[in-house]
Amino acid sequence: MSVYWVGDVQGCDAPLGRLLDEIDFSPSRDALYVLGDLVNRGPASAQVLRRLMAMGSAVQCVLGNHDLHLLAVAAGAGRLKPMDTLDGILHASDRPALLDWLRHQRMAMWDHGVLMVHAGVLPSWTVAQTLALAGEVESVLRGPDLSDFLHQMYGNEPASWRDDLAGVDRLRVVVNALTRLRFCSTEGVMEFAAKEGADAAPAGFMPWFDVPGRRTADVTVAFGHWSTLGQLQRGDVWALDTGCVWGGCLSAMRLGADGQTELIQVKCEQAQKPG
């Protein structure tokens, strides 16, 4: 048995198929974790969801900002953007099944000693707190108040976590941290405008994983979201969004039965031009 973590697929089904062939993935033997942004900007979002759904319990996913955007658009809580490629899902005969499967995925996971999120973790959060807060959002995504939440989900405020946050403000901070975070201050204030690499941090901010005293620094956090960061592999973080949709690579981290890790990549066709 091998365990794999895969970065942002973003509707690029052909590279995903090639990657699964490259690693000889077997749903009866192996486990696959996908780190969010399953859909959008690539040419085949519906096919990606159908492929993952067909593999059953061998696949588990965390949700990214593009996945939540799809749910929002489908609920009438968001609008399609010029670079969106979601029509294949929105007009599919199996749209209800695709959306229902998506909203039952996770916001964060812990397994095999790895904390999995799409974007980042605020420095004050422990693994246990991250999972508990993710669970609060998951309950809303799967519940009857989903549409109301999606209509209030967007916004940059509050920009930092407080334990006394409640209601939609509490949920919005959790969603923003888990699906949008790149840079934050040492006090955990999130910054959302900068989207370049780690060396382009705005004054007073730094990559979330470099904040001194981060309470998840003693575990490995696997994440995607940040294609301009490039592939980053160190003891405490695996950054696995290597820009598949932009013509980069689709990356997988393999954990073998011997406990050793290996990075595996396949080259991707460019589906979108940056900018």
C-alpha atoms as a PDB file:
ATOM      1  CA  MET A   1       0.000   0.000   0.000  1.00  0.00           C
ATOM      2  CA  SER A   2       1.121   3.525  -0.806  1.00  0.00           C
ATOM      3  CA  VAL A   3      -0.393   6.841   0.216  1.00  0.00           C
ATOM      4  CA  TYR A   4      -0.384   9.831  -2.129  1.00  0.00           C
ATOM      5  CA  TRP A   5      -1.049  13.548  -1.711  1.00  0.00           C
ATOM      6  CA  VAL A   6      -1.844  15.472  -4.914  1.00  0.00           C
ATOM      7  CA  GLY A   7      -1.812  19.224  -5.461  1.00  0.00           C
ATOM      8  CA  ASP A   8      -4.317  21.407  -7.304  1.00  0.00           C
ATOM      9  CA  VAL A   9      -5.908  19.573 -10.248  1.00  0.00           C
ATOM     10  CA  GLN A  10      -8.166  22.469 -11.321  1.00  0.00           C
ATOM     11  CA  GLY A  11     -10.158  20.570 -13.902  1.00  0.00           C
ATOM     12  CA  CYS A  12      -7.120  19.074 -15.651  1.00  0.00           C
ATOM     13  CA  ASP A  13      -8.387  15.520 -15.990  1.00  0.00           C
ATOM     14  CA  ALA A  14      -5.895  14.289 -18.600  1.00  0.00           C
ATOM     15  CA  PRO A  15      -2.826  15.064 -16.432  1.00  0.00           C
ATOM     16  CA  LEU A  16      -4.596  13.506 -13.446  1.00  0.00           C
ATOM     17  CA  GLY A  17      -5.138  10.346 -15.459  1.00  0.00           C
ATOM     18  CA  ARG A  18      -1.493  10.282 -16.511  1.00  0.00           C
ATOM     19  CA  LEU A  19      -0.353  10.797 -12.921  1.00  0.00           C
ATOM     20  CA  LEU A  20      -2.516   7.933 -11.673  1.00  0.00           C
ATOM     21  CA  ASP A  21      -1.075   5.740 -14.426  1.00  0.00           C
ATOM     22  CA  GLU A  22       2.469   6.853 -13.542  1.00  0.00           C
ATOM     23  CA  ILE A  23       2.052   5.839  -9.903  1.00  0.00           C
ATOM     24  CA  ASP A  24       0.073   2.692 -10.818  1.00  0.00           C
ATOM     25  CA  PHE A  25      -2.663   3.797  -8.420  1.00  0.00           C
ATOM     26  CA  SER A  26      -5.001   1.047  -7.284  1.00  0.00           C
ATOM     27  CA  PRO A  27      -8.167   2.017  -5.344  1.00  0.00           C
ATOM     28  CA  SER A  28      -8.202  -1.432  -3.766  1.00  0.00           C
ATOM     29  CA  ARG A  29      -4.666  -1.025  -2.453  1.00  0.00           C
ATOM     30  CA  ASP A  30      -3.665   2.648  -2.211  1.00  0.00           C
ATOM     31  CA  ALA A  31      -4.997   5.879  -0.711  1.00  0.00           C
ATOM     32  CA  LEU A  32      -5.192   9.259  -2.441  1.00  0.00           C
ATOM     33  CA  TYR A  33      -5.610  12.658  -0.803  1.00  0.00           C
ATOM     34  CA  VAL A  34      -6.329  15.656  -3.051  1.00  0.00           C
ATOM     35  CA  LEU A  35      -5.484  19.048  -1.586  1.00  0.00           C
ATOM     36  CA  GLY A  36      -8.333  21.135  -2.970  1.00  0.00           C
ATOM     37  CA  ASP A  37      -9.157  23.118  -6.099  1.00  0.00           C
ATOM     38  CA  LEU A  38     -10.383  20.014  -7.827  1.00  0.00           C
ATOM     39  CA  VAL A  39     -12.235  22.151 -10.365  1.00  0.00           C
ATOM     40  CA  ASN A  40     -12.135  25.309 -12.472  1.00  0.00           C
ATOM     41  CA  ARG A  41      -9.864  26.928 -15.063  1.00  0.00           C
ATOM     42  CA  GLY A  42      -8.953  23.587 -16.583  1.00  0.00           C
ATOM     43  CA  PRO A  43     -10.965  22.037 -19.426  1.00  0.00           C
ATOM     44  CA  ALA A  44     -12.576  19.033 -17.723  1.00  0.00           C
ATOM     45  CA  SER A  45     -13.828  19.778 -14.211  1.00  0.00           C
ATOM     46  CA  ALA A  46     -16.811  17.446 -14.421  1.00  0.00           C
ATOM     47  CA  GLN A  47     -14.589  14.593 -15.573  1.00  0.00           C
ATOM     48  CA  VAL A  48     -12.239  15.187 -12.622  1.00  0.00           C
ATOM     49  CA  LEU A  49     -15.098  14.918 -10.148  1.00  0.00           C
ATOM     50  CA  ARG A  50     -16.493  11.802 -11.837  1.00  0.00           C
ATOM     51  CA  ARG A  51     -13.052  10.157 -11.832  1.00  0.00           C
ATOM     52  CA  LEU A  52     -12.530  10.853  -8.139  1.00  0.00           C
ATOM     53  CA  MET A  53     -16.056   9.806  -7.203  1.00  0.00           C
ATOM     54  CA  ALA A  54     -15.620   6.505  -9.035  1.00  0.00           C
ATOM     55  CA  MET A  55     -12.675   5.559  -6.816  1.00  0.00           C
ATOM     56  CA  GLY A  56     -14.874   5.575  -3.721  1.00  0.00           C
ATOM     57  CA  SER A  57     -13.323   5.597  -0.283  1.00  0.00           C
ATOM     58  CA  ALA A  58      -9.788   5.312  -1.704  1.00  0.00           C
ATOM     59  CA  VAL A  59      -9.973   9.077  -2.402  1.00  0.00           C
ATOM     60  CA  GLN A  60     -10.469  11.850   0.129  1.00  0.00           C
ATOM     61  CA  CYS A  61     -10.351  15.552  -0.696  1.00  0.00           C
ATOM     62  CA  VAL A  62     -10.176  18.879   1.061  1.00  0.00           C
ATOM     63  CA  LEU A  63     -12.024  21.782  -0.496  1.00  0.00           C
ATOM     64  CA  GLY A  64     -10.282  24.780  -2.033  1.00  0.00           C
ATOM     65  CA  ASN A  65     -11.444  28.253  -2.923  1.00  0.00           C
ATOM     66  CA  HIS A  66     -12.404  27.196  -6.458  1.00  0.00           C
ATOM     67  CA  ASP A  67     -14.487  24.325  -5.128  1.00  0.00           C
ATOM     68  CA  LEU A  68     -16.361  26.667  -2.798  1.00  0.00           C
ATOM     69  CA  HIS A  69     -16.756  29.113  -5.689  1.00  0.00           C
ATOM     70  CA  LEU A  70     -18.502  26.385  -7.681  1.00  0.00           C
ATOM     71  CA  LEU A  71     -20.887  25.701  -4.800  1.00  0.00           C
ATOM     72  CA  ALA A  72     -21.574  29.421  -4.469  1.00  0.00           C
ATOM     73  CA  VAL A  73     -22.295  29.879  -8.179  1.00  0.00           C
ATOM     74  CA  ALA A  74     -24.560  26.836  -8.186  1.00  0.00           C
ATOM     75  CA  ALA A  75     -26.493  28.293  -5.237  1.00  0.00           C
ATOM     76  CA  GLY A  76     -26.848  31.709  -6.857  1.00  0.00           C
ATOM     77  CA  ALA A  77     -24.469  33.208  -4.309  1.00  0.00           C
ATOM     78  CA  GLY A  78     -21.645  33.946  -6.737  1.00  0.00           C
ATOM     79  CA  ARG A  79     -21.108  34.867 -10.366  1.00  0.00           C
ATOM     80  CA  LEU A  80     -19.041  33.171 -13.013  1.00  0.00           C
ATOM     81  CA  LYS A  81     -15.759  34.958 -13.751  1.00  0.00           C
ATOM     82  CA  PRO A  82     -14.098  35.329 -17.183  1.00  0.00           C
ATOM     83  CA  MET A  83     -11.548  32.548 -16.508  1.00  0.00           C
ATOM     84  CA  ASP A  84     -14.078  30.102 -15.030  1.00  0.00           C
ATOM     85  CA  THR A  85     -14.666  26.785 -16.790  1.00  0.00           C
ATOM     86  CA  LEU A  86     -17.520  25.451 -14.685  1.00  0.00           C
ATOM     87  CA  ASP A  87     -20.275  25.155 -17.285  1.00  0.00           C
ATOM     88  CA  GLY A  88     -19.598  21.460 -17.774  1.00  0.00           C
ATOM     89  CA  ILE A  89     -20.691  20.857 -14.180  1.00  0.00           C
ATOM     90  CA  LEU A  90     -23.431  23.486 -13.982  1.00  0.00           C
ATOM     91  CA  HIS A  91     -25.177  22.070 -17.069  1.00  0.00           C
ATOM     92  CA  ALA A  92     -24.435  18.389 -16.473  1.00  0.00           C
ATOM     93  CA  SER A  93     -27.255  15.873 -16.142  1.00  0.00           C
ATOM     94  CA  ASP A  94     -25.531  14.569 -12.999  1.00  0.00           C
ATOM     95  CA  ARG A  95     -25.009  18.062 -11.549  1.00  0.00           C
ATOM     96  CA  PRO A  96     -26.912  17.261  -8.303  1.00  0.00           C
ATOM     97  CA  ALA A  97     -24.726  14.222  -7.626  1.00  0.00           C
ATOM     98  CA  LEU A  98     -21.491  16.077  -8.427  1.00  0.00           C
ATOM     99  CA  LEU A  99     -22.347  19.013  -6.152  1.00  0.00           C
ATOM    100  CA  ASP A 100     -23.590  16.774  -3.350  1.00  0.00           C
ATOM    101  CA  TRP A 101     -20.367  14.760  -3.416  1.00  0.00           C
ATOM    102  CA  LEU A 102     -18.319  17.962  -3.392  1.00  0.00           C
ATOM    103  CA  ARG A 103     -20.046  19.494  -0.387  1.00  0.00           C
ATOM    104  CA  HIS A 104     -19.439  16.312   1.587  1.00  0.00           C
ATOM    105  CA  GLN A 105     -15.649  16.616   1.242  1.00  0.00           C
ATOM    106  CA  ARG A 106     -13.513  17.975   4.066  1.00  0.00           C
ATOM    107  CA  MET A 107     -12.065  21.363   4.928  1.00  0.00           C
ATOM    108  CA  ALA A 108      -9.061  19.857   6.727  1.00  0.00           C
ATOM    109  CA  MET A 109      -7.840  16.346   7.478  1.00  0.00           C
ATOM    110  CA  TRP A 110      -5.294  14.599   9.658  1.00  0.00           C
ATOM    111  CA  ASP A 111      -3.990  11.191   8.644  1.00  0.00           C
ATOM    112  CA  HIS A 112      -0.649   9.369   8.381  1.00  0.00           C
ATOM    113  CA  GLY A 113       0.884  12.118  10.554  1.00  0.00           C
ATOM    114  CA  VAL A 114       0.050  14.820   7.990  1.00  0.00           C
ATOM    115  CA  LEU A 115      -2.301  17.789   8.415  1.00  0.00           C
ATOM    116  CA  MET A 116      -4.017  18.517   5.089  1.00  0.00           C
ATOM    117  CA  VAL A 117      -5.508  21.862   4.078  1.00  0.00           C
ATOM    118  CA  HIS A 118      -5.893  23.674   0.794  1.00  0.00           C
ATOM    119  CA  ALA A 119      -4.114  26.939   1.629  1.00  0.00           C
ATOM    120  CA  GLY A 120      -2.829  27.427   5.150  1.00  0.00           C
ATOM    121  CA  VAL A 121      -3.208  27.306   8.917  1.00  0.00           C
ATOM    122  CA  LEU A 122      -3.217  30.334  11.189  1.00  0.00           C
ATOM    123  CA  PRO A 123      -0.162  30.373  13.487  1.00  0.00           C
ATOM    124  CA  SER A 124      -2.194  30.259  16.703  1.00  0.00           C
ATOM    125  CA  TRP A 125      -4.111  27.110  15.729  1.00  0.00           C
ATOM    126  CA  THR A 126      -3.117  23.650  16.881  1.00  0.00           C
ATOM    127  CA  VAL A 127      -3.854  20.565  14.801  1.00  0.00           C
ATOM    128  CA  ALA A 128      -6.832  19.770  17.030  1.00  0.00           C
ATOM    129  CA  GLN A 129      -8.236  23.298  16.769  1.00  0.00           C
ATOM    130  CA  THR A 130      -7.757  23.357  13.004  1.00  0.00           C
ATOM    131  CA  LEU A 131      -9.726  20.133  12.624  1.00  0.00           C
ATOM    132  CA  ALA A 132     -12.452  21.278  15.004  1.00  0.00           C
ATOM    133  CA  LEU A 133     -12.920  24.598  13.193  1.00  0.00           C
ATOM    134  CA  ALA A 134     -12.882  22.846   9.829  1.00  0.00           C
ATOM    135  CA  GLY A 135     -15.609  20.589  11.178  1.00  0.00           C
ATOM    136  CA  GLU A 136     -17.798  23.590  11.953  1.00  0.00           C
ATOM    137  CA  VAL A 137     -17.652  24.665   8.317  1.00  0.00           C
ATOM    138  CA  GLU A 138     -18.188  21.092   7.093  1.00  0.00           C
ATOM    139  CA  SER A 139     -21.388  20.859   9.135  1.00  0.00           C
ATOM    140  CA  VAL A 140     -22.763  23.970   7.438  1.00  0.00           C
ATOM    141  CA  LEU A 141     -21.733  22.783   3.966  1.00  0.00           C
ATOM    142  CA  ARG A 142     -23.634  19.534   4.491  1.00  0.00           C
ATOM    143  CA  GLY A 143     -26.623  21.077   6.224  1.00  0.00           C
ATOM    144  CA  PRO A 144     -29.836  22.915   5.329  1.00  0.00           C
ATOM    145  CA  ASP A 145     -28.299  26.376   5.784  1.00  0.00           C
ATOM    146  CA  LEU A 146     -25.739  25.965   2.994  1.00  0.00           C
ATOM    147  CA  SER A 147     -27.252  28.571   0.672  1.00  0.00           C
ATOM    148  CA  ASP A 148     -27.510  31.185   3.435  1.00  0.00           C
ATOM    149  CA  PHE A 149     -23.872  30.619   4.366  1.00  0.00           C
ATOM    150  CA  LEU A 150     -22.627  30.813   0.770  1.00  0.00           C
ATOM    151  CA  HIS A 151     -24.392  34.167   0.335  1.00  0.00           C
ATOM    152  CA  GLN A 152     -22.384  35.501   3.305  1.00  0.00           C
ATOM    153  CA  MET A 153     -19.112  33.615   2.854  1.00  0.00           C
ATOM    154  CA  TYR A 154     -17.138  36.179   0.854  1.00  0.00           C
ATOM    155  CA  GLY A 155     -15.146  39.018   2.411  1.00  0.00           C
ATOM    156  CA  ASN A 156     -11.751  39.723   3.973  1.00  0.00           C
ATOM    157  CA  GLU A 157     -12.991  40.635   7.426  1.00  0.00           C
ATOM    158  CA  PRO A 158     -12.411  39.702  10.156  1.00  0.00           C
ATOM    159  CA  ALA A 159      -8.772  39.437   9.094  1.00  0.00           C
ATOM    160  CA  SER A 160      -7.604  37.509  12.162  1.00  0.00           C
ATOM    161  CA  TRP A 161      -8.841  34.854  14.527  1.00  0.00           C
ATOM    162  CA  ARG A 162     -10.415  35.458  17.917  1.00  0.00           C
ATOM    163  CA  ASP A 163     -11.835  32.714  20.108  1.00  0.00           C
ATOM    164  CA  ASP A 164     -14.985  34.764  20.750  1.00  0.00           C
ATOM    165  CA  LEU A 165     -15.902  35.041  17.062  1.00  0.00           C
ATOM    166  CA  ALA A 166     -19.358  33.672  16.316  1.00  0.00           C
ATOM    167  CA  GLY A 167     -21.747  33.172  13.439  1.00  0.00           C
ATOM    168  CA  VAL A 168     -20.739  33.992   9.890  1.00  0.00           C
ATOM    169  CA  ASP A 169     -17.681  36.001  11.018  1.00  0.00           C
ATOM    170  CA  ARG A 170     -16.274  32.894  12.689  1.00  0.00           C
ATOM    171  CA  LEU A 171     -16.948  30.697   9.665  1.00  0.00           C
ATOM    172  CA  ARG A 172     -15.526  33.275   7.238  1.00  0.00           C
ATOM    173  CA  VAL A 173     -12.195  33.465   9.072  1.00  0.00           C
ATOM    174  CA  VAL A 174     -11.909  29.688   9.031  1.00  0.00           C
ATOM    175  CA  VAL A 175     -12.750  29.479   5.315  1.00  0.00           C
ATOM    176  CA  ASN A 176     -10.314  32.273   4.443  1.00  0.00           C
ATOM    177  CA  ALA A 177      -7.468  30.687   6.389  1.00  0.00           C
ATOM    178  CA  LEU A 178      -8.005  27.190   5.048  1.00  0.00           C
ATOM    179  CA  THR A 179      -8.669  28.135   1.401  1.00  0.00           C
ATOM    180  CA  ARG A 180      -7.077  31.552   0.700  1.00  0.00           C
ATOM    181  CA  LEU A 181      -4.143  32.156   3.065  1.00  0.00           C
ATOM    182  CA  ARG A 182      -0.658  32.875   1.770  1.00  0.00           C
ATOM    183  CA  PHE A 183       0.770  35.677   3.902  1.00  0.00           C
ATOM    184  CA  CYS A 184       0.017  36.752   7.449  1.00  0.00           C
ATOM    185  CA  SER A 185       1.619  38.828  10.193  1.00  0.00           C
ATOM    186  CA  THR A 186       3.255  37.488  13.312  1.00  0.00           C
ATOM    187  CA  GLU A 187      -0.039  38.281  15.083  1.00  0.00           C
ATOM    188  CA  GLY A 188      -1.960  36.155  12.582  1.00  0.00           C
ATOM    189  CA  VAL A 189      -3.521  38.980  10.555  1.00  0.00           C
ATOM    190  CA  MET A 190      -4.200  37.632   7.063  1.00  0.00           C
ATOM    191  CA  GLU A 191      -3.248  39.452   3.847  1.00  0.00           C
ATOM    192  CA  PHE A 192      -5.041  38.505   0.633  1.00  0.00           C
ATOM    193  CA  ALA A 193      -3.826  40.907  -2.061  1.00  0.00           C
ATOM    194  CA  ALA A 194      -0.323  39.503  -2.648  1.00  0.00           C
ATOM    195  CA  LYS A 195      -0.227  36.365  -4.804  1.00  0.00           C
ATOM    196  CA  GLU A 196       3.419  36.108  -5.863  1.00  0.00           C
ATOM    197  CA  GLY A 197       6.139  33.947  -4.339  1.00  0.00           C
ATOM    198  CA  ALA A 198       7.369  33.884  -0.774  1.00  0.00           C
ATOM    199  CA  ASP A 199       9.993  36.566  -1.431  1.00  0.00           C
ATOM    200  CA  ALA A 200       7.246  39.043  -2.424  1.00  0.00           C
ATOM    201  CA  ALA A 201       5.731  39.322   1.046  1.00  0.00           C
ATOM    202  CA  PRO A 202       4.226  42.764   1.741  1.00  0.00           C
ATOM    203  CA  ALA A 203       5.798  44.796   4.527  1.00  0.00           C
ATOM    204  CA  GLY A 204       4.876  43.379   7.909  1.00  0.00           C
ATOM    205  CA  PHE A 205       3.828  39.990   6.509  1.00  0.00           C
ATOM    206  CA  MET A 206       5.456  36.628   5.815  1.00  0.00           C
ATOM    207  CA  PRO A 207       4.432  33.217   4.496  1.00  0.00           C
ATOM    208  CA  TRP A 208       2.076  31.683   7.027  1.00  0.00           C
ATOM    209  CA  PHE A 209       4.354  28.665   7.487  1.00  0.00           C
ATOM    210  CA  ASP A 210       7.326  30.856   8.488  1.00  0.00           C
ATOM    211  CA  VAL A 211       5.619  32.712  11.346  1.00  0.00           C
ATOM    212  CA  PRO A 212       7.713  32.174  14.507  1.00  0.00           C
ATOM    213  CA  GLY A 213       5.963  30.059  17.093  1.00  0.00           C
ATOM    214  CA  ARG A 214       3.453  28.528  14.675  1.00  0.00           C
ATOM    215  CA  ARG A 215       1.657  25.855  16.683  1.00  0.00           C
ATOM    216  CA  THR A 216       1.605  23.324  13.830  1.00  0.00           C
ATOM    217  CA  ALA A 217       5.361  23.556  13.222  1.00  0.00           C
ATOM    218  CA  ASP A 218       5.908  20.163  14.873  1.00  0.00           C
ATOM    219  CA  VAL A 219       3.896  18.286  12.226  1.00  0.00           C
ATOM    220  CA  THR A 220       3.894  18.145   8.437  1.00  0.00           C
ATOM    221  CA  VAL A 221       1.265  20.348   6.769  1.00  0.00           C
ATOM    222  CA  ALA A 222       0.440  19.421   3.162  1.00  0.00           C
ATOM    223  CA  PHE A 223      -1.199  22.157   1.113  1.00  0.00           C
ATOM    224  CA  GLY A 224      -1.707  23.496  -2.395  1.00  0.00           C
ATOM    225  CA  HIS A 225      -3.161  26.832  -3.545  1.00  0.00           C
ATOM    226  CA  TRP A 226       0.104  28.739  -4.005  1.00  0.00           C
ATOM    227  CA  SER A 227       1.399  27.960  -7.501  1.00  0.00           C
ATOM    228  CA  THR A 228       3.808  30.913  -7.520  1.00  0.00           C
ATOM    229  CA  LEU A 229       5.500  29.484  -4.448  1.00  0.00           C
ATOM    230  CA  GLY A 230       6.680  26.487  -6.413  1.00  0.00           C
ATOM    231  CA  GLN A 231       7.220  23.012  -5.062  1.00  0.00           C
ATOM    232  CA  LEU A 232       8.411  23.140  -1.447  1.00  0.00           C
ATOM    233  CA  GLN A 233       9.326  20.068   0.525  1.00  0.00           C
ATOM    234  CA  ARG A 234      10.677  20.311   4.018  1.00  0.00           C
ATOM    235  CA  GLY A 235       9.942  18.552   7.287  1.00  0.00           C
ATOM    236  CA  ASP A 236       7.070  20.780   8.341  1.00  0.00           C
ATOM    237  CA  VAL A 237       5.449  21.666   4.997  1.00  0.00           C
ATOM    238  CA  TRP A 238       4.782  20.124   1.603  1.00  0.00           C
ATOM    239  CA  ALA A 239       3.628  22.692  -0.980  1.00  0.00           C
ATOM    240  CA  LEU A 240       2.184  20.688  -3.859  1.00  0.00           C
ATOM    241  CA  ASP A 241       0.522  23.211  -6.181  1.00  0.00           C
ATOM    242  CA  THR A 242       3.023  23.275  -9.024  1.00  0.00           C
ATOM    243  CA  GLY A 243       0.868  25.111 -11.547  1.00  0.00           C
ATOM    244  CA  CYS A 244      -0.685  22.298 -13.561  1.00  0.00           C
ATOM    245  CA  VAL A 245      -3.367  24.542 -15.074  1.00  0.00           C
ATOM    246  CA  TRP A 246      -0.705  27.103 -16.107  1.00  0.00           C
ATOM    247  CA  GLY A 247       1.365  24.513 -17.976  1.00  0.00           C
ATOM    248  CA  GLY A 248       3.480  23.399 -15.028  1.00  0.00           C
ATOM    249  CA  CYS A 249       3.318  19.985 -13.388  1.00  0.00           C
ATOM    250  CA  LEU A 250       0.808  17.982 -11.420  1.00  0.00           C
ATOM    251  CA  SER A 251       2.619  16.791  -8.320  1.00  0.00           C
ATOM    252  CA  ALA A 252       2.091  13.901  -5.936  1.00  0.00           C
ATOM    253  CA  MET A 253       3.924  13.089  -2.735  1.00  0.00           C
ATOM    254  CA  ARG A 254       4.173   9.364  -2.132  1.00  0.00           C
ATOM    255  CA  LEU A 255       4.514   7.764   1.284  1.00  0.00           C
ATOM    256  CA  GLY A 256       5.629   4.185   0.897  1.00  0.00           C
ATOM    257  CA  ALA A 257       5.231   1.261   3.258  1.00  0.00           C
ATOM    258  CA  ASP A 258       8.847   1.848   4.312  1.00  0.00           C
ATOM    259  CA  GLY A 259       8.004   5.355   5.546  1.00  0.00           C
ATOM    260  CA  GLN A 260      10.021   7.081   2.824  1.00  0.00           C
ATOM    261  CA  THR A 261       8.585   9.940   0.766  1.00  0.00           C
ATOM    262  CA  GLU A 262       9.006  10.532  -2.952  1.00  0.00           C
ATOM    263  CA  LEU A 263       7.873  13.392  -5.184  1.00  0.00           C
ATOM    264  CA  ILE A 264       6.303  12.293  -8.489  1.00  0.00           C
ATOM    265  CA  GLN A 265       5.320  14.750 -11.238  1.00  0.00           C
ATOM    266  CA  VAL A 266       3.776  14.728 -14.694  1.00  0.00           C
ATOM    267  CA  LYS A 267       3.974  17.598 -17.153  1.00  0.00           C
ATOM    268  CA  CYS A 268       0.694  19.388 -17.897  1.00  0.00           C
ATOM    269  CA  GLU A 269      -0.730  21.063 -20.965  1.00  0.00           C
ATOM    270  CA  GLN A 270      -1.298  24.780 -20.441  1.00  0.00           C
ATOM    271  CA  ALA A 271      -5.015  25.410 -19.988  1.00  0.00           C
ATOM    272  CA  GLN A 272      -4.777  29.059 -18.889  1.00  0.00           C
ATOM    273  CA  LYS A 273      -2.263  31.855 -19.306  1.00  0.00           C
ATOM    274  CA  PRO A 274      -1.222  33.563 -16.048  1.00  0.00           C
ATOM    275  CA  GLY A 275      -2.771  36.984 -15.627  1.00  0.00           C
END
